[in-house]
Amino acid sequence: MNRILDLARLGLAALPSPVPRRQRRLAGRHALVDGIPFELPVDSVDTPALMAGFPVDLRAAARLLPGGELHPVALPGGKGLLVITVVNYLRTDIGRYIEFSIALACTHGPRPAPPLLPGLLRGAFHTGQYVVDLPVSSEISVKGGKGIWGMPKHQASLDFKVGESTISSQYEVGGRLGMYVEIDRPPATALPLKSAAVNYCAFRGMLMKSTIYLDGRADLAVGRRARARLVLGDAPQVATLHDLDIADDPLFTLYLTSAQGVLDDHFECWFLTSEEPGRTYGEALDSVVGLGLSQDWPAPPRLDVGAHP
């Protein structure tokens, strides 16, 4: 096993950086967007993160995807994949904040992709994740993430706790539990991670596509080695997730002790369509118009997750 890990580390370390040349060329230049000052690239450093993927009902996942061109990634047994990613941003242009991403693995195109292939041929199937809910700690993160990149951000009470044997995060909004996720520390695989991740989000009746590039070392557990606990609360922001039939056991868990990320300032968008007139998706533009640049956080989560089923 150690020999296999050594070979995997060597192979992954040899991969080139996924960050586009344009981002490197613009390094050090400045931008002012919606009153938010950025020094390019839009990056973060010294960033720990946890991730866990849980099988869900494929048909239920398909019902949560907007428009007609997003399709859930299909796993064996009629399953889709719910991906929970919590990032503890310690140093960014907009200050420190936590981001709790709840998303469904998906592809973008005229028809669903065959099972498993989207993971191997991500470019061919435009593989990414549709972000269902994205609470963050600070108002400025909502203003930038939603107003510029169309992400469904809203301010909430969040934490990120690293213990000797577990890493966890709790999300509360309006005094109600959104979600609690806890993973057992995966084995210290220290796999070099150089990856581009695509987010699809609904905002202003459009599908917004953004890309983040990650560079770090990942501790990874897969299958029976992966252990996690997910508690879904009763906050209205997560109400649709109760129909997903989320599996108790994760497909994988991942922990990044410290990573660097670059959020591309280039993004794409398309109109989201439906078979009936008058339907729209995502929040409207006025949801960000009045937001300020505060980096203050709400009080930390207070609910005892043991009181929730």
C-alpha atoms as a PDB file:
ATOM      1  CA  MET A   1       0.000   0.000   0.000  1.00  0.00           C
ATOM      2  CA  ASN A   2       2.825   2.423   0.890  1.00  0.00           C
ATOM      3  CA  ARG A   3       4.454   1.742  -2.477  1.00  0.00           C
ATOM      4  CA  ILE A   4       1.196   2.525  -4.295  1.00  0.00           C
ATOM      5  CA  LEU A   5       0.809   5.759  -2.334  1.00  0.00           C
ATOM      6  CA  ASP A   6       4.379   6.766  -3.138  1.00  0.00           C
ATOM      7  CA  LEU A   7       3.757   6.222  -6.846  1.00  0.00           C
ATOM      8  CA  ALA A   8       0.472   8.136  -6.671  1.00  0.00           C
ATOM      9  CA  ARG A   9       2.181  11.067  -4.951  1.00  0.00           C
ATOM     10  CA  LEU A  10       4.918  11.169  -7.594  1.00  0.00           C
ATOM     11  CA  GLY A  11       2.413  11.054 -10.449  1.00  0.00           C
ATOM     12  CA  LEU A  12       0.132  13.720  -8.972  1.00  0.00           C
ATOM     13  CA  ALA A  13       3.049  15.991  -8.051  1.00  0.00           C
ATOM     14  CA  ALA A  14       4.212  15.918 -11.684  1.00  0.00           C
ATOM     15  CA  LEU A  15       0.912  17.335 -12.966  1.00  0.00           C
ATOM     16  CA  PRO A  16       1.065  20.949 -14.136  1.00  0.00           C
ATOM     17  CA  SER A  17      -0.757  23.704 -12.296  1.00  0.00           C
ATOM     18  CA  PRO A  18      -4.374  24.032 -13.488  1.00  0.00           C
ATOM     19  CA  VAL A  19      -4.312  27.813 -12.998  1.00  0.00           C
ATOM     20  CA  PRO A  20      -4.689  29.485 -16.427  1.00  0.00           C
ATOM     21  CA  ARG A  21      -1.809  31.575 -17.748  1.00  0.00           C
ATOM     22  CA  ARG A  22      -4.063  34.625 -17.755  1.00  0.00           C
ATOM     23  CA  GLN A  23      -4.409  34.462 -13.975  1.00  0.00           C
ATOM     24  CA  ARG A  24      -0.646  34.288 -13.554  1.00  0.00           C
ATOM     25  CA  ARG A  25      -0.117  37.104 -16.063  1.00  0.00           C
ATOM     26  CA  LEU A  26      -2.512  39.414 -14.206  1.00  0.00           C
ATOM     27  CA  ALA A  27      -0.897  38.745 -10.821  1.00  0.00           C
ATOM     28  CA  GLY A  28      -0.465  41.956  -8.854  1.00  0.00           C
ATOM     29  CA  ARG A  29      -3.009  43.987 -10.807  1.00  0.00           C
ATOM     30  CA  HIS A  30      -6.002  45.471  -8.990  1.00  0.00           C
ATOM     31  CA  ALA A  31      -9.749  45.509  -9.621  1.00  0.00           C
ATOM     32  CA  LEU A  32     -12.684  47.239  -7.942  1.00  0.00           C
ATOM     33  CA  VAL A  33     -15.943  45.365  -8.553  1.00  0.00           C
ATOM     34  CA  ASP A  34     -19.209  46.428  -6.894  1.00  0.00           C
ATOM     35  CA  GLY A  35     -17.107  48.377  -4.415  1.00  0.00           C
ATOM     36  CA  ILE A  36     -15.043  45.322  -3.434  1.00  0.00           C
ATOM     37  CA  PRO A  37     -11.263  45.728  -3.918  1.00  0.00           C
ATOM     38  CA  PHE A  38      -9.402  42.716  -5.318  1.00  0.00           C
ATOM     39  CA  GLU A  39      -5.728  42.081  -6.017  1.00  0.00           C
ATOM     40  CA  LEU A  40      -5.486  39.490  -8.762  1.00  0.00           C
ATOM     41  CA  PRO A  41      -5.588  36.610  -8.790  1.00  0.00           C
ATOM     42  CA  VAL A  42      -8.610  36.254  -6.481  1.00  0.00           C
ATOM     43  CA  ASP A  43      -6.937  33.758  -4.208  1.00  0.00           C
ATOM     44  CA  SER A  44      -6.704  32.275  -0.745  1.00  0.00           C
ATOM     45  CA  VAL A  45      -3.777  30.778   1.151  1.00  0.00           C
ATOM     46  CA  ASP A  46      -3.289  28.646   4.269  1.00  0.00           C
ATOM     47  CA  THR A  47      -6.794  27.259   3.795  1.00  0.00           C
ATOM     48  CA  PRO A  48      -7.976  24.084   5.564  1.00  0.00           C
ATOM     49  CA  ALA A  49     -11.036  22.290   4.206  1.00  0.00           C
ATOM     50  CA  LEU A  50     -13.090  19.149   4.656  1.00  0.00           C
ATOM     51  CA  MET A  51     -15.114  17.292   2.050  1.00  0.00           C
ATOM     52  CA  ALA A  52     -17.482  14.341   2.104  1.00  0.00           C
ATOM     53  CA  GLY A  53     -19.523  12.700  -0.642  1.00  0.00           C
ATOM     54  CA  PHE A  54     -22.766  10.856   0.156  1.00  0.00           C
ATOM     55  CA  PRO A  55     -24.827   8.735  -2.260  1.00  0.00           C
ATOM     56  CA  VAL A  56     -28.376  10.018  -2.801  1.00  0.00           C
ATOM     57  CA  ASP A  57     -31.403   9.019  -4.846  1.00  0.00           C
ATOM     58  CA  LEU A  58     -30.650   9.859  -8.487  1.00  0.00           C
ATOM     59  CA  ARG A  59     -34.180  10.845  -9.472  1.00  0.00           C
ATOM     60  CA  ALA A  60     -34.577  13.081  -6.460  1.00  0.00           C
ATOM     61  CA  ALA A  61     -31.266  14.753  -7.295  1.00  0.00           C
ATOM     62  CA  ALA A  62     -32.446  15.374 -10.868  1.00  0.00           C
ATOM     63  CA  ARG A  63     -35.540  17.181  -9.562  1.00  0.00           C
ATOM     64  CA  LEU A  64     -33.351  19.711  -7.730  1.00  0.00           C
ATOM     65  CA  LEU A  65     -31.368  20.698 -10.824  1.00  0.00           C
ATOM     66  CA  PRO A  66     -32.765  23.783 -12.604  1.00  0.00           C
ATOM     67  CA  GLY A  67     -33.431  24.216 -16.316  1.00  0.00           C
ATOM     68  CA  GLY A  68     -33.024  21.392 -18.806  1.00  0.00           C
ATOM     69  CA  GLU A  69     -29.274  21.093 -19.291  1.00  0.00           C
ATOM     70  CA  LEU A  70     -27.971  20.021 -15.876  1.00  0.00           C
ATOM     71  CA  HIS A  71     -28.002  16.298 -15.065  1.00  0.00           C
ATOM     72  CA  PRO A  72     -26.923  14.462 -11.906  1.00  0.00           C
ATOM     73  CA  VAL A  73     -23.808  12.321 -12.105  1.00  0.00           C
ATOM     74  CA  ALA A  74     -25.002   8.708 -12.045  1.00  0.00           C
ATOM     75  CA  LEU A  75     -23.425   6.174  -9.709  1.00  0.00           C
ATOM     76  CA  PRO A  76     -24.148   2.438  -9.754  1.00  0.00           C
ATOM     77  CA  GLY A  77     -27.446   1.417  -8.180  1.00  0.00           C
ATOM     78  CA  GLY A  78     -29.446   4.447  -9.312  1.00  0.00           C
ATOM     79  CA  LYS A  79     -27.566   6.849  -7.057  1.00  0.00           C
ATOM     80  CA  GLY A  80     -26.396  10.430  -7.380  1.00  0.00           C
ATOM     81  CA  LEU A  81     -23.787  12.187  -5.252  1.00  0.00           C
ATOM     82  CA  LEU A  82     -24.227  14.910  -2.623  1.00  0.00           C
ATOM     83  CA  VAL A  83     -20.950  16.746  -2.006  1.00  0.00           C
ATOM     84  CA  ILE A  84     -20.396  18.666   1.224  1.00  0.00           C
ATOM     85  CA  THR A  85     -17.374  20.977   1.250  1.00  0.00           C
ATOM     86  CA  VAL A  86     -16.522  23.270   4.135  1.00  0.00           C
ATOM     87  CA  VAL A  87     -13.658  25.705   3.632  1.00  0.00           C
ATOM     88  CA  ASN A  88     -12.102  27.764   6.412  1.00  0.00           C
ATOM     89  CA  TYR A  89     -10.711  30.751   4.492  1.00  0.00           C
ATOM     90  CA  LEU A  90      -8.055  32.263   6.734  1.00  0.00           C
ATOM     91  CA  ARG A  91      -6.514  34.813   4.356  1.00  0.00           C
ATOM     92  CA  THR A  92      -8.319  36.380   1.384  1.00  0.00           C
ATOM     93  CA  ASP A  93      -8.832  39.844  -0.151  1.00  0.00           C
ATOM     94  CA  ILE A  94     -12.165  40.069   1.660  1.00  0.00           C
ATOM     95  CA  GLY A  95     -10.943  38.835   5.037  1.00  0.00           C
ATOM     96  CA  ARG A  96     -11.464  35.621   6.945  1.00  0.00           C
ATOM     97  CA  TYR A  97     -14.657  33.588   6.595  1.00  0.00           C
ATOM     98  CA  ILE A  98     -16.072  30.054   6.497  1.00  0.00           C
ATOM     99  CA  GLU A  99     -17.976  28.696   3.497  1.00  0.00           C
ATOM    100  CA  PHE A 100     -20.287  25.669   3.778  1.00  0.00           C
ATOM    101  CA  SER A 101     -21.077  24.276   0.323  1.00  0.00           C
ATOM    102  CA  ILE A 102     -23.958  21.821  -0.203  1.00  0.00           C
ATOM    103  CA  ALA A 103     -23.944  20.614  -3.811  1.00  0.00           C
ATOM    104  CA  LEU A 104     -24.922  17.856  -6.217  1.00  0.00           C
ATOM    105  CA  ALA A 105     -22.368  16.377  -8.633  1.00  0.00           C
ATOM    106  CA  CYS A 106     -23.622  17.077 -12.144  1.00  0.00           C
ATOM    107  CA  THR A 107     -22.866  17.436 -15.841  1.00  0.00           C
ATOM    108  CA  HIS A 108     -23.915  20.155 -18.264  1.00  0.00           C
ATOM    109  CA  GLY A 109     -25.219  19.320 -21.719  1.00  0.00           C
ATOM    110  CA  PRO A 110     -28.257  18.267 -23.761  1.00  0.00           C
ATOM    111  CA  ARG A 111     -28.553  14.814 -22.150  1.00  0.00           C
ATOM    112  CA  PRO A 112     -27.361  12.845 -19.105  1.00  0.00           C
ATOM    113  CA  ALA A 113     -23.903  11.286 -19.199  1.00  0.00           C
ATOM    114  CA  PRO A 114     -23.214   7.546 -18.834  1.00  0.00           C
ATOM    115  CA  PRO A 115     -22.462   6.340 -15.301  1.00  0.00           C
ATOM    116  CA  LEU A 116     -18.947   6.977 -13.923  1.00  0.00           C
ATOM    117  CA  LEU A 117     -17.525   8.535 -17.112  1.00  0.00           C
ATOM    118  CA  PRO A 118     -18.044  12.159 -15.925  1.00  0.00           C
ATOM    119  CA  GLY A 119     -15.405  11.564 -13.269  1.00  0.00           C
ATOM    120  CA  LEU A 120     -12.866  10.404 -15.831  1.00  0.00           C
ATOM    121  CA  LEU A 121     -13.750  12.762 -18.696  1.00  0.00           C
ATOM    122  CA  ARG A 122     -14.705  15.921 -16.846  1.00  0.00           C
ATOM    123  CA  GLY A 123     -14.013  18.248 -19.749  1.00  0.00           C
ATOM    124  CA  ALA A 124     -16.007  16.211 -22.256  1.00  0.00           C
ATOM    125  CA  PHE A 125     -19.086  16.119 -20.026  1.00  0.00           C
ATOM    126  CA  HIS A 126     -18.611  19.551 -18.415  1.00  0.00           C
ATOM    127  CA  THR A 127     -18.587  17.880 -15.016  1.00  0.00           C
ATOM    128  CA  GLY A 128     -19.021  20.005 -11.928  1.00  0.00           C
ATOM    129  CA  GLN A 129     -21.380  20.503  -9.031  1.00  0.00           C
ATOM    130  CA  TYR A 130     -24.651  22.376  -8.731  1.00  0.00           C
ATOM    131  CA  VAL A 131     -24.579  24.388  -5.525  1.00  0.00           C
ATOM    132  CA  VAL A 132     -27.898  24.015  -3.717  1.00  0.00           C
ATOM    133  CA  ASP A 133     -27.013  26.098  -0.660  1.00  0.00           C
ATOM    134  CA  LEU A 134     -23.927  28.124   0.294  1.00  0.00           C
ATOM    135  CA  PRO A 135     -23.936  29.783   3.724  1.00  0.00           C
ATOM    136  CA  VAL A 136     -20.913  31.940   4.586  1.00  0.00           C
ATOM    137  CA  SER A 137     -19.771  33.896   7.636  1.00  0.00           C
ATOM    138  CA  SER A 138     -19.513  37.476   6.332  1.00  0.00           C
ATOM    139  CA  GLU A 139     -21.671  39.984   4.467  1.00  0.00           C
ATOM    140  CA  ILE A 140     -18.878  40.944   2.069  1.00  0.00           C
ATOM    141  CA  SER A 141     -18.553  37.304   1.005  1.00  0.00           C
ATOM    142  CA  VAL A 142     -22.276  37.248   0.176  1.00  0.00           C
ATOM    143  CA  LYS A 143     -22.006  40.495  -1.790  1.00  0.00           C
ATOM    144  CA  GLY A 144     -19.057  39.294  -3.863  1.00  0.00           C
ATOM    145  CA  GLY A 145     -19.888  35.626  -4.261  1.00  0.00           C
ATOM    146  CA  LYS A 146     -23.517  36.155  -5.211  1.00  0.00           C
ATOM    147  CA  GLY A 147     -23.328  39.527  -6.926  1.00  0.00           C
ATOM    148  CA  ILE A 148     -20.318  38.689  -9.127  1.00  0.00           C
ATOM    149  CA  TRP A 149     -20.261  34.913  -9.567  1.00  0.00           C
ATOM    150  CA  GLY A 150     -23.949  34.155  -8.920  1.00  0.00           C
ATOM    151  CA  MET A 151     -23.328  31.818  -5.991  1.00  0.00           C
ATOM    152  CA  PRO A 152     -26.320  31.255  -3.653  1.00  0.00           C
ATOM    153  CA  LYS A 153     -24.524  32.728  -0.646  1.00  0.00           C
ATOM    154  CA  HIS A 154     -26.241  33.995   2.485  1.00  0.00           C
ATOM    155  CA  GLN A 155     -24.890  34.842   5.904  1.00  0.00           C
ATOM    156  CA  ALA A 156     -25.191  32.237   8.638  1.00  0.00           C
ATOM    157  CA  SER A 157     -23.625  31.010  11.875  1.00  0.00           C
ATOM    158  CA  LEU A 158     -20.784  28.614  11.051  1.00  0.00           C
ATOM    159  CA  ASP A 159     -17.834  26.947  12.701  1.00  0.00           C
ATOM    160  CA  PHE A 160     -14.905  24.761  11.661  1.00  0.00           C
ATOM    161  CA  LYS A 161     -13.463  22.503  14.336  1.00  0.00           C
ATOM    162  CA  VAL A 162     -10.339  20.380  14.003  1.00  0.00           C
ATOM    163  CA  GLY A 163      -9.875  17.727  16.669  1.00  0.00           C
ATOM    164  CA  GLU A 164      -7.414  14.927  17.170  1.00  0.00           C
ATOM    165  CA  SER A 165      -9.628  12.358  15.466  1.00  0.00           C
ATOM    166  CA  THR A 166     -12.393  14.350  13.709  1.00  0.00           C
ATOM    167  CA  ILE A 167     -13.013  17.514  11.699  1.00  0.00           C
ATOM    168  CA  SER A 168     -16.483  19.044  11.851  1.00  0.00           C
ATOM    169  CA  SER A 169     -18.594  22.034  10.882  1.00  0.00           C
ATOM    170  CA  GLN A 170     -22.044  23.214  11.943  1.00  0.00           C
ATOM    171  CA  TYR A 171     -24.364  25.554  10.016  1.00  0.00           C
ATOM    172  CA  GLU A 172     -27.243  27.433  11.639  1.00  0.00           C
ATOM    173  CA  VAL A 173     -29.489  30.189  10.312  1.00  0.00           C
ATOM    174  CA  GLY A 174     -32.253  32.033  12.154  1.00  0.00           C
ATOM    175  CA  GLY A 175     -31.712  29.828  15.220  1.00  0.00           C
ATOM    176  CA  ARG A 176     -32.407  26.643  13.234  1.00  0.00           C
ATOM    177  CA  LEU A 177     -30.032  23.907  12.182  1.00  0.00           C
ATOM    178  CA  GLY A 178     -29.071  23.769   8.536  1.00  0.00           C
ATOM    179  CA  MET A 179     -26.545  20.952   8.627  1.00  0.00           C
ATOM    180  CA  TYR A 180     -23.865  19.367  10.760  1.00  0.00           C
ATOM    181  CA  VAL A 181     -21.073  17.373   9.137  1.00  0.00           C
ATOM    182  CA  GLU A 182     -18.289  15.505  10.862  1.00  0.00           C
ATOM    183  CA  ILE A 183     -15.613  13.296   9.308  1.00  0.00           C
ATOM    184  CA  ASP A 184     -13.114  10.991  10.928  1.00  0.00           C
ATOM    185  CA  ARG A 185      -9.604  12.086  10.052  1.00  0.00           C
ATOM    186  CA  PRO A 186      -8.662  10.166   6.903  1.00  0.00           C
ATOM    187  CA  PRO A 187      -5.320   8.342   6.749  1.00  0.00           C
ATOM    188  CA  ALA A 188      -2.364  10.695   6.240  1.00  0.00           C
ATOM    189  CA  THR A 189      -2.099  10.044   2.504  1.00  0.00           C
ATOM    190  CA  ALA A 190      -0.792  13.572   1.739  1.00  0.00           C
ATOM    191  CA  LEU A 191      -1.738  13.219  -1.923  1.00  0.00           C
ATOM    192  CA  PRO A 192      -0.778  16.274  -3.999  1.00  0.00           C
ATOM    193  CA  LEU A 193      -3.974  17.912  -5.236  1.00  0.00           C
ATOM    194  CA  LYS A 194      -3.853  20.128  -8.318  1.00  0.00           C
ATOM    195  CA  SER A 195      -7.383  20.389  -9.578  1.00  0.00           C
ATOM    196  CA  ALA A 196      -9.945  22.639 -11.223  1.00  0.00           C
ATOM    197  CA  ALA A 197     -13.450  22.461  -9.750  1.00  0.00           C
ATOM    198  CA  VAL A 198     -16.524  23.820 -11.563  1.00  0.00           C
ATOM    199  CA  ASN A 199     -19.504  25.321  -9.733  1.00  0.00           C
ATOM    200  CA  TYR A 200     -22.916  25.765 -11.364  1.00  0.00           C
ATOM    201  CA  CYS A 201     -25.293  28.159  -9.596  1.00  0.00           C
ATOM    202  CA  ALA A 202     -28.709  29.690 -10.251  1.00  0.00           C
ATOM    203  CA  PHE A 203     -29.048  33.474  -9.954  1.00  0.00           C
ATOM    204  CA  ARG A 204     -31.319  36.030 -11.668  1.00  0.00           C
ATOM    205  CA  GLY A 205     -32.885  33.271 -13.777  1.00  0.00           C
ATOM    206  CA  MET A 206     -29.502  32.285 -15.203  1.00  0.00           C
ATOM    207  CA  LEU A 207     -27.123  29.382 -14.787  1.00  0.00           C
ATOM    208  CA  MET A 208     -23.747  30.747 -13.659  1.00  0.00           C
ATOM    209  CA  LYS A 209     -20.579  28.693 -14.152  1.00  0.00           C
ATOM    210  CA  SER A 210     -17.432  29.547 -12.183  1.00  0.00           C
ATOM    211  CA  THR A 211     -14.132  27.718 -11.694  1.00  0.00           C
ATOM    212  CA  ILE A 212     -11.803  27.444  -8.732  1.00  0.00           C
ATOM    213  CA  TYR A 213      -8.286  25.999  -8.895  1.00  0.00           C
ATOM    214  CA  LEU A 214      -6.887  24.165  -5.879  1.00  0.00           C
ATOM    215  CA  ASP A 215      -3.357  23.250  -4.882  1.00  0.00           C
ATOM    216  CA  GLY A 216      -2.622  21.377  -1.680  1.00  0.00           C
ATOM    217  CA  ARG A 217      -2.081  17.991  -0.063  1.00  0.00           C
ATOM    218  CA  ALA A 218      -5.114  15.856   0.647  1.00  0.00           C
ATOM    219  CA  ASP A 219      -5.693  13.125   3.207  1.00  0.00           C
ATOM    220  CA  LEU A 220      -8.233  10.833   1.545  1.00  0.00           C
ATOM    221  CA  ALA A 221     -10.417   7.911   2.594  1.00  0.00           C
ATOM    222  CA  VAL A 222     -12.612   5.946   0.182  1.00  0.00           C
ATOM    223  CA  GLY A 223     -15.285   3.290   0.673  1.00  0.00           C
ATOM    224  CA  ARG A 224     -15.259   1.516   4.024  1.00  0.00           C
ATOM    225  CA  ARG A 225     -12.256   3.526   5.164  1.00  0.00           C
ATOM    226  CA  ALA A 226     -14.330   6.709   4.932  1.00  0.00           C
ATOM    227  CA  ARG A 227     -16.354   7.571   8.011  1.00  0.00           C
ATOM    228  CA  ALA A 228     -18.598  10.571   8.469  1.00  0.00           C
ATOM    229  CA  ARG A 229     -21.741  11.790  10.197  1.00  0.00           C
ATOM    230  CA  LEU A 230     -24.243  14.130   8.571  1.00  0.00           C
ATOM    231  CA  VAL A 231     -27.207  15.671  10.401  1.00  0.00           C
ATOM    232  CA  LEU A 232     -29.731  17.529   8.263  1.00  0.00           C
ATOM    233  CA  GLY A 233     -31.715  20.186  10.092  1.00  0.00           C
ATOM    234  CA  ASP A 234     -35.067  21.914   9.662  1.00  0.00           C
ATOM    235  CA  ALA A 235     -33.924  25.306   8.330  1.00  0.00           C
ATOM    236  CA  PRO A 236     -35.934  26.285   5.235  1.00  0.00           C
ATOM    237  CA  GLN A 237     -32.751  26.632   3.158  1.00  0.00           C
ATOM    238  CA  VAL A 238     -32.204  22.852   3.316  1.00  0.00           C
ATOM    239  CA  ALA A 239     -35.838  21.711   3.140  1.00  0.00           C
ATOM    240  CA  THR A 240     -35.490  20.217  -0.368  1.00  0.00           C
ATOM    241  CA  LEU A 241     -32.598  18.012   0.738  1.00  0.00           C
ATOM    242  CA  HIS A 242     -34.876  15.853   2.887  1.00  0.00           C
ATOM    243  CA  ASP A 243     -36.203  14.138  -0.247  1.00  0.00           C
ATOM    244  CA  LEU A 244     -32.743  12.984  -1.373  1.00  0.00           C
ATOM    245  CA  ASP A 245     -32.596   9.842   0.798  1.00  0.00           C
ATOM    246  CA  ILE A 246     -29.025  10.645   1.814  1.00  0.00           C
ATOM    247  CA  ALA A 247     -26.973   7.549   2.655  1.00  0.00           C
ATOM    248  CA  ASP A 248     -25.620   7.164   6.176  1.00  0.00           C
ATOM    249  CA  ASP A 249     -22.170   6.138   4.958  1.00  0.00           C
ATOM    250  CA  PRO A 250     -20.048   8.402   2.754  1.00  0.00           C
ATOM    251  CA  LEU A 251     -18.489   7.336  -0.521  1.00  0.00           C
ATOM    252  CA  PHE A 252     -15.350   9.305   0.353  1.00  0.00           C
ATOM    253  CA  THR A 253     -13.956  11.840   2.807  1.00  0.00           C
ATOM    254  CA  LEU A 254     -11.122  14.289   2.302  1.00  0.00           C
ATOM    255  CA  TYR A 255      -9.213  16.702   4.512  1.00  0.00           C
ATOM    256  CA  LEU A 256      -6.897  19.456   3.328  1.00  0.00           C
ATOM    257  CA  THR A 257      -4.755  20.744   6.179  1.00  0.00           C
ATOM    258  CA  SER A 258      -3.640  23.777   4.166  1.00  0.00           C
ATOM    259  CA  ALA A 259      -4.390  24.585   0.543  1.00  0.00           C
ATOM    260  CA  GLN A 260      -4.149  27.459  -1.892  1.00  0.00           C
ATOM    261  CA  GLY A 261      -7.049  28.395  -4.135  1.00  0.00           C
ATOM    262  CA  VAL A 262      -7.630  30.704  -7.087  1.00  0.00           C
ATOM    263  CA  LEU A 263     -11.168  31.738  -8.087  1.00  0.00           C
ATOM    264  CA  ASP A 264     -11.161  32.600 -11.784  1.00  0.00           C
ATOM    265  CA  ASP A 265     -12.520  36.067 -12.540  1.00  0.00           C
ATOM    266  CA  HIS A 266     -13.798  34.658 -15.854  1.00  0.00           C
ATOM    267  CA  PHE A 267     -17.237  33.046 -15.648  1.00  0.00           C
ATOM    268  CA  GLU A 268     -20.007  31.978 -18.020  1.00  0.00           C
ATOM    269  CA  CYS A 269     -23.786  32.118 -17.844  1.00  0.00           C
ATOM    270  CA  TRP A 270     -26.826  30.913 -19.764  1.00  0.00           C
ATOM    271  CA  PHE A 271     -30.560  31.549 -19.459  1.00  0.00           C
ATOM    272  CA  LEU A 272     -32.313  28.876 -17.417  1.00  0.00           C
ATOM    273  CA  THR A 273     -35.343  27.654 -19.345  1.00  0.00           C
ATOM    274  CA  SER A 274     -38.517  25.753 -18.519  1.00  0.00           C
ATOM    275  CA  GLU A 275     -41.393  24.270 -20.482  1.00  0.00           C
ATOM    276  CA  GLU A 276     -43.785  26.819 -19.000  1.00  0.00           C
ATOM    277  CA  PRO A 277     -43.547  30.637 -19.127  1.00  0.00           C
ATOM    278  CA  GLY A 278     -43.045  32.745 -16.044  1.00  0.00           C
ATOM    279  CA  ARG A 279     -40.758  30.438 -14.065  1.00  0.00           C
ATOM    280  CA  THR A 280     -37.452  31.759 -12.754  1.00  0.00           C
ATOM    281  CA  TYR A 281     -34.585  30.268 -10.775  1.00  0.00           C
ATOM    282  CA  GLY A 282     -32.378  31.647  -8.054  1.00  0.00           C
ATOM    283  CA  GLU A 283     -32.667  34.927  -6.209  1.00  0.00           C
ATOM    284  CA  ALA A 284     -33.170  38.250  -7.933  1.00  0.00           C
ATOM    285  CA  LEU A 285     -30.646  41.050  -8.345  1.00  0.00           C
ATOM    286  CA  ASP A 286     -32.178  43.078  -5.520  1.00  0.00           C
ATOM    287  CA  SER A 287     -30.961  40.435  -3.044  1.00  0.00           C
ATOM    288  CA  VAL A 288     -27.442  41.906  -3.277  1.00  0.00           C
ATOM    289  CA  VAL A 289     -28.063  45.578  -4.090  1.00  0.00           C
ATOM    290  CA  GLY A 290     -28.212  46.763  -0.488  1.00  0.00           C
ATOM    291  CA  LEU A 291     -25.372  44.644   0.902  1.00  0.00           C
ATOM    292  CA  GLY A 292     -22.303  46.248   2.459  1.00  0.00           C
ATOM    293  CA  LEU A 293     -18.662  45.271   2.938  1.00  0.00           C
ATOM    294  CA  SER A 294     -18.750  44.075   6.546  1.00  0.00           C
ATOM    295  CA  GLN A 295     -16.358  41.290   7.504  1.00  0.00           C
ATOM    296  CA  ASP A 296     -18.115  40.702  10.862  1.00  0.00           C
ATOM    297  CA  TRP A 297     -19.464  37.257  11.709  1.00  0.00           C
ATOM    298  CA  PRO A 298     -22.709  36.266  13.447  1.00  0.00           C
ATOM    299  CA  ALA A 299     -22.476  34.506  16.790  1.00  0.00           C
ATOM    300  CA  PRO A 300     -21.177  30.910  16.486  1.00  0.00           C
ATOM    301  CA  PRO A 301     -23.602  27.963  16.268  1.00  0.00           C
ATOM    302  CA  ARG A 302     -25.295  27.121  19.541  1.00  0.00           C
ATOM    303  CA  LEU A 303     -27.643  24.204  18.871  1.00  0.00           C
ATOM    304  CA  ASP A 304     -26.881  20.760  20.272  1.00  0.00           C
ATOM    305  CA  VAL A 305     -26.935  18.484  17.214  1.00  0.00           C
ATOM    306  CA  GLY A 306     -27.766  15.574  19.480  1.00  0.00           C
ATOM    307  CA  ALA A 307     -31.270  17.044  19.749  1.00  0.00           C
ATOM    308  CA  HIS A 308     -31.850  16.600  16.019  1.00  0.00           C
ATOM    309  CA  PRO A 309     -32.658  13.279  14.290  1.00  0.00           C
END
